[in-house]
């Protein structure tokens, strides 16, 4: 699994997706991130994502982000797990 720390992310690298719940996202989030809740992302990945783009996946504790990266990698997406810093 490809990983980087949050402070290493640069918006030119790709799209940063925060998979935490929208309420938690509103309270605190990386300003470069977009919020796509974990369940919504996995159920609609074929509509929401493009296999020609790079995605960086994060959440508060990392559990859902790690699972999402594993699953999306299996489906052929270029995804990297982002560790909260």
Protein backbone atom coordinates (compact mmCIF):
# COMPACT_ATOMS: atom_id res chain seq x y z
CA UNK A 1 0.00 0.00 0.00
CA UNK A 2 1.41 3.37 -1.01
CA UNK A 3 1.47 5.85 1.87
CA UNK A 4 2.43 9.46 2.53
CA UNK A 5 2.03 11.81 5.48
CA UNK A 6 -0.61 14.51 5.25
CA UNK A 7 2.01 17.28 5.41
CA UNK A 8 3.70 15.80 2.30
CA UNK A 9 0.57 16.17 0.17
CA UNK A 10 0.59 18.80 -2.55
CA UNK A 11 -2.57 19.53 -4.58
CA UNK A 12 -0.57 19.07 -7.79
CA UNK A 13 -0.10 15.40 -6.88
CA UNK A 14 -3.76 14.44 -7.29
CA UNK A 15 -7.10 14.57 -5.51
CA UNK A 16 -7.25 14.34 -1.71
CA UNK A 17 -10.39 12.58 -0.51
CA UNK A 18 -11.38 12.58 3.15
CA UNK A 19 -13.71 9.63 3.79
CA UNK A 20 -14.91 10.64 7.25
CA UNK A 21 -18.53 11.43 8.05
CA UNK A 22 -19.68 14.84 6.72
CA UNK A 23 -20.35 16.17 10.23
CA UNK A 24 -16.78 15.37 11.32
CA UNK A 25 -15.48 16.82 8.05
CA UNK A 26 -17.21 20.15 8.73
CA UNK A 27 -15.57 20.32 12.16
CA UNK A 28 -12.03 19.75 10.88
CA UNK A 29 -10.48 18.93 7.51
CA UNK A 30 -7.52 19.53 5.26
CA UNK A 31 -8.26 22.61 3.12
CA UNK A 32 -7.19 20.75 -0.04
CA UNK A 33 -9.52 17.81 0.57
CA UNK A 34 -12.96 16.96 -0.68
CA UNK A 35 -15.35 14.92 1.42
CA UNK A 36 -16.76 11.69 0.07
CA UNK A 37 -18.04 9.54 2.90
CA UNK A 38 -16.54 6.03 3.00
CA UNK A 39 -19.75 4.12 2.20
CA UNK A 40 -20.72 6.49 -0.60
CA UNK A 41 -17.26 6.28 -2.15
CA UNK A 42 -17.15 2.50 -2.20
CA UNK A 43 -20.72 2.07 -3.42
CA UNK A 44 -20.31 4.67 -6.20
CA UNK A 45 -16.61 4.50 -7.09
CA UNK A 46 -17.39 3.82 -10.76
CA UNK A 47 -19.36 7.10 -10.94
CA UNK A 48 -17.23 9.27 -8.61
CA UNK A 49 -13.70 8.27 -9.63
CA UNK A 50 -11.66 8.18 -12.82
CA UNK A 51 -9.05 5.43 -13.27
CA UNK A 52 -6.80 7.93 -15.09
CA UNK A 53 -6.42 10.17 -12.01
CA UNK A 54 -4.45 9.83 -8.77
CA UNK A 55 -6.28 9.82 -5.47
CA UNK A 56 -5.07 10.28 -1.93
CA UNK A 57 -7.37 8.89 0.76
CA UNK A 58 -7.51 9.98 4.39
CA UNK A 59 -9.74 10.00 7.48
CA UNK A 60 -9.38 10.79 11.20
CA UNK A 61 -8.10 7.50 12.56
CA UNK A 62 -7.11 5.85 9.30
CA UNK A 63 -9.14 2.65 9.53
CA UNK A 64 -11.66 3.49 6.81
CA UNK A 65 -9.03 5.18 4.65
CA UNK A 66 -6.85 2.04 4.71
CA UNK A 67 -9.81 -0.17 3.83
CA UNK A 68 -10.84 2.17 1.03
CA UNK A 69 -7.31 2.19 -0.42
CA UNK A 70 -7.16 -1.61 -0.42
CA UNK A 71 -10.54 -1.96 -2.10
CA UNK A 72 -10.01 0.82 -4.65
CA UNK A 73 -6.56 -0.57 -5.51
CA UNK A 74 -8.20 -3.92 -6.19
CA UNK A 75 -10.58 -2.18 -8.60
CA UNK A 76 -7.64 -0.64 -10.46
CA UNK A 77 -7.51 2.91 -9.11
CA UNK A 78 -4.24 4.73 -8.38
CA UNK A 79 -4.73 5.40 -4.66
CA UNK A 80 -2.42 6.32 -1.80
CA UNK A 81 -3.15 6.16 1.91
CA UNK A 82 -2.58 9.49 3.68
CA UNK A 83 -1.45 9.28 7.31
CA UNK A 84 -2.74 12.12 9.52
CA UNK A 85 0.07 14.29 10.77
